[in-house]
């Protein structure tokens, strides 16, 4: 349904991480004539037009992904799920997972060094 947040494989490519964006409208083929970036683009087929809630532009014709190219309108077969609820700020976790893991490792190392030294002083 329009307005739902859907999870889909961009251009149906299984090897690419799924995208979770809002479905705005269902467009017929050749609806988008030109992207907002000024590049010529014409939809090869109909499908859902999607946009991230915090993104200024729609995905189709504007979003390029490695191994995929320009994201096309989302066909129903590419949709793998629908968001049932939202958890604010949770989407930032995968974006900074590596940095978070490094921080946890550093904290563990510092804790271990301090604890070992403290224990040695007590003996």
N, C-alpha and C. Protein backbone atom coordinates (compact mmCIF):
# COMPACT_ATOMS: atom_id res chain seq x y z
N UNK A 1 0.83 -1.19 0.00
CA UNK A 1 0.00 0.00 0.00
C UNK A 1 0.87 1.25 0.00
N UNK A 2 0.35 2.31 -0.56
CA UNK A 2 1.09 3.56 -0.61
C UNK A 2 1.31 4.09 0.80
N UNK A 3 2.52 4.57 1.05
CA UNK A 3 2.86 5.08 2.36
C UNK A 3 3.48 4.05 3.27
N UNK A 4 3.38 2.77 2.90
CA UNK A 4 4.01 1.72 3.70
C UNK A 4 5.52 1.76 3.53
N UNK A 5 6.21 1.34 4.56
CA UNK A 5 7.67 1.22 4.49
C UNK A 5 7.96 -0.21 4.07
N UNK A 6 8.59 -0.36 2.90
CA UNK A 6 8.85 -1.69 2.35
C UNK A 6 10.34 -2.02 2.37
N UNK A 7 10.64 -3.30 2.39
CA UNK A 7 12.01 -3.79 2.32
C UNK A 7 12.13 -4.49 0.97
N UNK A 8 13.06 -4.03 0.14
CA UNK A 8 13.16 -4.59 -1.20
C UNK A 8 14.60 -4.75 -1.65
N UNK A 9 14.77 -5.65 -2.63
CA UNK A 9 16.07 -5.85 -3.26
C UNK A 9 16.15 -4.90 -4.45
N UNK A 10 17.11 -3.96 -4.46
CA UNK A 10 17.19 -3.01 -5.57
C UNK A 10 17.43 -3.73 -6.89
N UNK A 11 16.57 -3.44 -7.85
CA UNK A 11 16.61 -4.02 -9.19
C UNK A 11 16.55 -5.54 -9.16
N UNK A 12 16.06 -6.11 -8.06
CA UNK A 12 15.92 -7.56 -7.94
C UNK A 12 17.22 -8.31 -7.74
N UNK A 13 18.32 -7.59 -7.46
CA UNK A 13 19.63 -8.20 -7.29
C UNK A 13 19.74 -8.77 -5.87
N UNK A 14 19.92 -10.08 -5.76
CA UNK A 14 19.98 -10.74 -4.46
C UNK A 14 21.27 -10.50 -3.70
N UNK A 15 22.35 -10.19 -4.42
CA UNK A 15 23.66 -10.04 -3.77
C UNK A 15 23.84 -8.68 -3.09
N UNK A 16 22.87 -7.79 -3.24
CA UNK A 16 22.97 -6.44 -2.68
C UNK A 16 22.13 -6.38 -1.40
N UNK A 17 22.62 -5.62 -0.42
CA UNK A 17 21.90 -5.45 0.84
C UNK A 17 20.53 -4.84 0.56
N UNK A 18 19.45 -5.36 1.17
CA UNK A 18 18.11 -4.81 0.94
C UNK A 18 18.01 -3.36 1.40
N UNK A 19 17.09 -2.65 0.78
CA UNK A 19 16.81 -1.25 1.12
C UNK A 19 15.45 -1.20 1.81
N UNK A 20 15.34 -0.38 2.85
CA UNK A 20 14.06 -0.17 3.52
C UNK A 20 13.70 1.31 3.35
N UNK A 21 12.71 1.56 2.49
CA UNK A 21 12.25 2.92 2.17
C UNK A 21 10.74 2.92 2.03
N UNK A 22 10.17 4.11 2.02
CA UNK A 22 8.72 4.27 1.92
C UNK A 22 8.27 4.20 0.46
N UNK A 23 7.19 3.44 0.20
CA UNK A 23 6.59 3.37 -1.13
C UNK A 23 5.65 4.57 -1.28
N UNK A 24 5.96 5.44 -2.24
CA UNK A 24 5.16 6.66 -2.41
C UNK A 24 3.97 6.43 -3.34
N UNK A 25 4.25 5.95 -4.54
CA UNK A 25 3.20 5.73 -5.54
C UNK A 25 3.58 4.53 -6.40
N UNK A 26 2.62 4.03 -7.16
CA UNK A 26 2.91 3.03 -8.18
C UNK A 26 2.88 3.75 -9.51
N UNK A 27 3.98 3.69 -10.24
CA UNK A 27 4.08 4.41 -11.50
C UNK A 27 4.12 3.44 -12.67
N UNK A 28 3.50 3.82 -13.76
CA UNK A 28 3.59 3.04 -14.99
C UNK A 28 4.94 3.27 -15.64
N UNK A 29 5.28 2.45 -16.63
CA UNK A 29 6.56 2.58 -17.33
C UNK A 29 6.68 3.95 -17.98
N UNK A 30 7.90 4.45 -18.05
CA UNK A 30 8.24 5.72 -18.70
C UNK A 30 7.62 6.92 -18.00
N UNK A 31 7.43 6.86 -16.69
CA UNK A 31 6.87 7.97 -15.94
C UNK A 31 7.92 9.02 -15.63
N UNK A 32 9.10 8.57 -15.18
CA UNK A 32 10.18 9.50 -14.85
C UNK A 32 10.98 9.77 -16.12
N UNK A 33 11.00 11.00 -16.57
CA UNK A 33 11.73 11.36 -17.79
C UNK A 33 13.15 11.80 -17.50
N UNK A 34 13.36 12.45 -16.37
CA UNK A 34 14.68 12.98 -16.05
C UNK A 34 14.84 13.01 -14.54
N UNK A 35 16.04 12.68 -14.07
CA UNK A 35 16.26 12.68 -12.63
C UNK A 35 16.49 14.11 -12.15
N UNK A 36 16.41 14.28 -10.83
CA UNK A 36 16.64 15.61 -10.26
C UNK A 36 18.10 16.02 -10.40
N UNK A 37 18.97 15.07 -10.69
CA UNK A 37 20.38 15.39 -10.89
C UNK A 37 20.64 15.90 -12.30
N UNK A 38 19.58 15.95 -13.11
CA UNK A 38 19.71 16.48 -14.46
C UNK A 38 20.13 15.45 -15.49
N UNK A 39 20.24 14.19 -15.10
CA UNK A 39 20.63 13.16 -16.04
C UNK A 39 19.38 12.58 -16.70
N UNK A 40 19.51 12.20 -17.96
CA UNK A 40 18.37 11.61 -18.65
C UNK A 40 18.14 10.20 -18.14
N UNK A 41 16.90 9.88 -17.84
CA UNK A 41 16.56 8.56 -17.35
C UNK A 41 15.10 8.30 -17.68
N UNK A 42 14.81 7.09 -18.14
CA UNK A 42 13.43 6.69 -18.41
C UNK A 42 13.20 5.32 -17.79
N UNK A 43 12.11 5.20 -17.04
CA UNK A 43 11.81 3.93 -16.39
C UNK A 43 11.70 2.81 -17.41
N UNK A 44 12.39 1.69 -17.19
CA UNK A 44 12.26 0.57 -18.11
C UNK A 44 10.97 -0.22 -17.90
N UNK A 45 10.32 -0.04 -16.74
CA UNK A 45 9.10 -0.78 -16.42
C UNK A 45 8.37 -0.03 -15.30
N UNK A 46 7.15 -0.42 -15.05
CA UNK A 46 6.40 0.17 -13.95
C UNK A 46 6.83 -0.40 -12.62
N UNK A 47 6.44 0.26 -11.54
CA UNK A 47 6.77 -0.23 -10.21
C UNK A 47 6.57 0.86 -9.17
N UNK A 48 6.86 0.52 -7.93
CA UNK A 48 6.73 1.48 -6.84
C UNK A 48 7.87 2.49 -6.87
N UNK A 49 7.53 3.74 -6.64
CA UNK A 49 8.53 4.80 -6.49
C UNK A 49 8.76 4.93 -4.99
N UNK A 50 10.03 4.86 -4.59
CA UNK A 50 10.36 4.84 -3.17
C UNK A 50 11.25 6.02 -2.80
N UNK A 51 11.26 6.31 -1.50
CA UNK A 51 12.09 7.41 -0.99
C UNK A 51 12.35 7.16 0.49
N UNK A 52 13.59 7.36 0.90
CA UNK A 52 13.91 7.30 2.32
C UNK A 52 13.32 8.52 3.01
N UNK A 53 12.82 8.35 4.21
CA UNK A 53 12.16 9.45 4.91
C UNK A 53 13.06 10.66 5.11
N UNK A 54 14.37 10.44 5.24
CA UNK A 54 15.30 11.55 5.45
C UNK A 54 16.06 11.93 4.19
N UNK A 55 15.69 11.36 3.06
CA UNK A 55 16.36 11.68 1.79
C UNK A 55 15.61 12.78 1.05
N UNK A 56 16.33 13.67 0.36
CA UNK A 56 15.65 14.75 -0.34
C UNK A 56 15.00 14.33 -1.66
N UNK A 57 15.45 13.20 -2.25
CA UNK A 57 14.97 12.79 -3.56
C UNK A 57 14.47 11.35 -3.54
N UNK A 58 13.64 11.02 -4.53
CA UNK A 58 13.21 9.63 -4.69
C UNK A 58 14.41 8.79 -5.13
N UNK A 59 14.31 7.49 -4.93
CA UNK A 59 15.41 6.58 -5.27
C UNK A 59 15.55 6.40 -6.78
N UNK A 60 14.45 6.24 -7.46
CA UNK A 60 14.46 5.90 -8.87
C UNK A 60 15.03 7.04 -9.72
N UNK A 61 16.07 6.70 -10.47
CA UNK A 61 16.71 7.69 -11.32
C UNK A 61 17.75 8.53 -10.61
N UNK A 62 17.82 8.46 -9.29
CA UNK A 62 18.74 9.30 -8.53
C UNK A 62 19.73 8.51 -7.69
N UNK A 63 19.37 7.32 -7.30
CA UNK A 63 20.23 6.50 -6.44
C UNK A 63 20.98 5.48 -7.28
N UNK A 64 22.32 5.53 -7.20
CA UNK A 64 23.17 4.56 -7.90
C UNK A 64 23.87 3.70 -6.86
N UNK A 65 23.82 2.39 -7.08
CA UNK A 65 24.45 1.45 -6.16
C UNK A 65 25.49 0.61 -6.90
N UNK A 66 26.62 0.31 -6.26
CA UNK A 66 27.61 -0.55 -6.89
C UNK A 66 27.02 -1.94 -7.16
N UNK A 67 27.25 -2.44 -8.35
CA UNK A 67 26.73 -3.75 -8.72
C UNK A 67 25.29 -3.74 -9.17
N UNK A 68 24.64 -2.58 -9.10
CA UNK A 68 23.23 -2.47 -9.47
C UNK A 68 23.04 -1.40 -10.54
N UNK A 69 23.69 -0.27 -10.39
CA UNK A 69 23.48 0.87 -11.27
C UNK A 69 22.38 1.74 -10.73
N UNK A 70 21.64 2.38 -11.62
CA UNK A 70 20.54 3.25 -11.22
C UNK A 70 19.38 2.39 -10.72
N UNK A 71 18.85 2.74 -9.56
CA UNK A 71 17.74 1.98 -8.99
C UNK A 71 16.49 2.22 -9.81
N UNK A 72 15.85 1.13 -10.21
CA UNK A 72 14.64 1.18 -11.03
C UNK A 72 13.40 1.13 -10.13
N UNK A 73 12.22 1.45 -10.68
CA UNK A 73 11.00 1.30 -9.89
C UNK A 73 10.89 -0.13 -9.35
N UNK A 74 10.39 -0.26 -8.14
CA UNK A 74 10.38 -1.55 -7.44
C UNK A 74 9.21 -2.41 -7.93
N UNK A 75 9.56 -3.55 -8.52
CA UNK A 75 8.53 -4.51 -8.93
C UNK A 75 8.06 -5.27 -7.69
N UNK A 76 6.83 -5.76 -7.73
CA UNK A 76 6.26 -6.46 -6.57
C UNK A 76 7.10 -7.68 -6.18
N UNK A 77 7.72 -8.34 -7.16
CA UNK A 77 8.53 -9.53 -6.89
C UNK A 77 9.79 -9.20 -6.10
N UNK A 78 10.23 -7.97 -6.13
CA UNK A 78 11.47 -7.56 -5.44
C UNK A 78 11.22 -7.24 -3.97
N UNK A 79 9.97 -7.08 -3.59
CA UNK A 79 9.64 -6.73 -2.20
C UNK A 79 9.77 -7.99 -1.35
N UNK A 80 10.57 -7.89 -0.28
CA UNK A 80 10.77 -9.05 0.59
C UNK A 80 10.13 -8.87 1.96
N UNK A 81 9.57 -7.71 2.22
CA UNK A 81 8.91 -7.50 3.50
C UNK A 81 8.35 -6.10 3.64
N UNK A 82 7.67 -5.91 4.76
CA UNK A 82 7.07 -4.62 5.07
C UNK A 82 7.30 -4.33 6.55
N UNK A 83 7.66 -3.11 6.86
CA UNK A 83 7.91 -2.73 8.26
C UNK A 83 6.59 -2.70 9.02
N UNK A 84 6.57 -3.34 10.17
CA UNK A 84 5.35 -3.36 10.99
C UNK A 84 5.34 -2.26 12.03
N UNK A 85 6.54 -1.85 12.48
CA UNK A 85 6.65 -0.78 13.47
C UNK A 85 8.02 -0.14 13.32
N UNK A 86 8.21 0.98 13.98
CA UNK A 86 9.48 1.71 13.89
C UNK A 86 10.10 1.84 15.27
N UNK A 87 11.42 1.69 15.32
CA UNK A 87 12.18 1.93 16.54
C UNK A 87 13.09 3.11 16.24
N UNK A 88 12.82 4.28 16.82
CA UNK A 88 13.61 5.47 16.50
C UNK A 88 15.10 5.26 16.72
N UNK A 89 15.90 5.75 15.78
CA UNK A 89 17.36 5.76 15.82
C UNK A 89 18.01 4.39 15.67
N UNK A 90 17.24 3.30 15.60
CA UNK A 90 17.83 1.97 15.48
C UNK A 90 18.56 1.80 14.15
N UNK A 91 18.15 2.51 13.12
CA UNK A 91 18.79 2.41 11.82
C UNK A 91 20.23 2.88 11.80
N UNK A 92 20.62 3.66 12.80
CA UNK A 92 22.01 4.13 12.85
C UNK A 92 22.98 3.04 13.29
N UNK A 93 22.49 2.01 13.98
CA UNK A 93 23.36 0.95 14.48
C UNK A 93 24.14 0.24 13.37
N UNK A 94 23.49 -0.27 12.32
CA UNK A 94 24.29 -0.94 11.28
C UNK A 94 25.23 0.01 10.55
N UNK A 95 24.90 1.28 10.52
CA UNK A 95 25.76 2.25 9.83
C UNK A 95 27.07 2.45 10.57
N UNK A 96 27.07 2.23 11.88
CA UNK A 96 28.25 2.47 12.69
C UNK A 96 28.65 1.24 13.49
N UNK A 97 28.32 0.07 12.98
CA UNK A 97 28.60 -1.17 13.69
C UNK A 97 30.09 -1.40 13.90
N UNK A 98 30.90 -1.12 12.88
CA UNK A 98 32.35 -1.32 12.98
C UNK A 98 32.94 -0.42 14.06
N UNK A 99 32.56 0.86 14.04
CA UNK A 99 33.06 1.80 15.04
C UNK A 99 32.63 1.38 16.45
N UNK A 100 31.40 0.90 16.57
CA UNK A 100 30.89 0.45 17.87
C UNK A 100 31.68 -0.75 18.38
N UNK A 101 31.98 -1.70 17.48
CA UNK A 101 32.76 -2.89 17.87
C UNK A 101 34.16 -2.49 18.33
N UNK A 102 34.79 -1.56 17.63
CA UNK A 102 36.12 -1.08 18.02
C UNK A 102 36.06 -0.43 19.40
N UNK A 103 35.04 0.38 19.64
CA UNK A 103 34.87 1.04 20.94
C UNK A 103 34.72 0.02 22.06
N UNK A 104 33.92 -1.00 21.84
CA UNK A 104 33.73 -2.04 22.86
C UNK A 104 35.04 -2.77 23.13
N UNK A 105 35.80 -3.09 22.09
CA UNK A 105 37.09 -3.77 22.27
C UNK A 105 38.06 -2.89 23.06
N UNK A 106 38.11 -1.61 22.74
CA UNK A 106 39.00 -0.69 23.46
C UNK A 106 38.60 -0.59 24.93
N UNK A 107 37.32 -0.51 25.20
CA UNK A 107 36.84 -0.44 26.59
C UNK A 107 37.21 -1.72 27.34
N UNK A 108 37.07 -2.86 26.70
CA UNK A 108 37.43 -4.13 27.35
C UNK A 108 38.92 -4.18 27.65
N UNK A 109 39.74 -3.75 26.70
CA UNK A 109 41.20 -3.75 26.91
C UNK A 109 41.58 -2.81 28.05
N UNK A 110 41.02 -1.62 28.06
CA UNK A 110 41.32 -0.65 29.12
C UNK A 110 40.86 -1.20 30.47
N UNK A 111 39.68 -1.76 30.51
CA UNK A 111 39.16 -2.34 31.75
C UNK A 111 40.07 -3.46 32.24
N UNK A 112 40.50 -4.32 31.33
CA UNK A 112 41.38 -5.43 31.70
C UNK A 112 42.71 -4.92 32.24
N UNK A 113 43.29 -3.93 31.57
CA UNK A 113 44.57 -3.38 32.03
C UNK A 113 44.45 -2.74 33.41
N UNK A 114 43.40 -1.97 33.61
CA UNK A 114 43.19 -1.31 34.90
C UNK A 114 42.91 -2.35 35.99
N UNK A 115 42.08 -3.33 35.70
CA UNK A 115 41.73 -4.35 36.69
C UNK A 115 42.95 -5.18 37.08
N UNK A 116 43.76 -5.57 36.08
CA UNK A 116 44.96 -6.37 36.36
C UNK A 116 45.93 -5.57 37.21
N UNK A 117 46.15 -4.32 36.90
CA UNK A 117 47.06 -3.48 37.69
C UNK A 117 46.53 -3.27 39.10
N UNK A 118 45.23 -3.07 39.23
CA UNK A 118 44.62 -2.87 40.54
C UNK A 118 44.77 -4.13 41.39
N UNK A 119 44.57 -5.28 40.75
CA UNK A 119 44.69 -6.56 41.45
C UNK A 119 46.13 -6.80 41.90
N UNK A 120 47.10 -6.43 41.07
CA UNK A 120 48.52 -6.60 41.42
C UNK A 120 48.89 -5.71 42.61
N UNK A 121 48.34 -4.51 42.68
CA UNK A 121 48.64 -3.61 43.79
C UNK A 121 48.10 -4.17 45.11
N UNK A 122 46.98 -4.87 45.05
CA UNK A 122 46.38 -5.45 46.25
C UNK A 122 47.18 -6.64 46.77
N UNK A 123 47.93 -7.31 45.91
CA UNK A 123 48.69 -8.50 46.33
C UNK A 123 49.97 -8.11 46.89
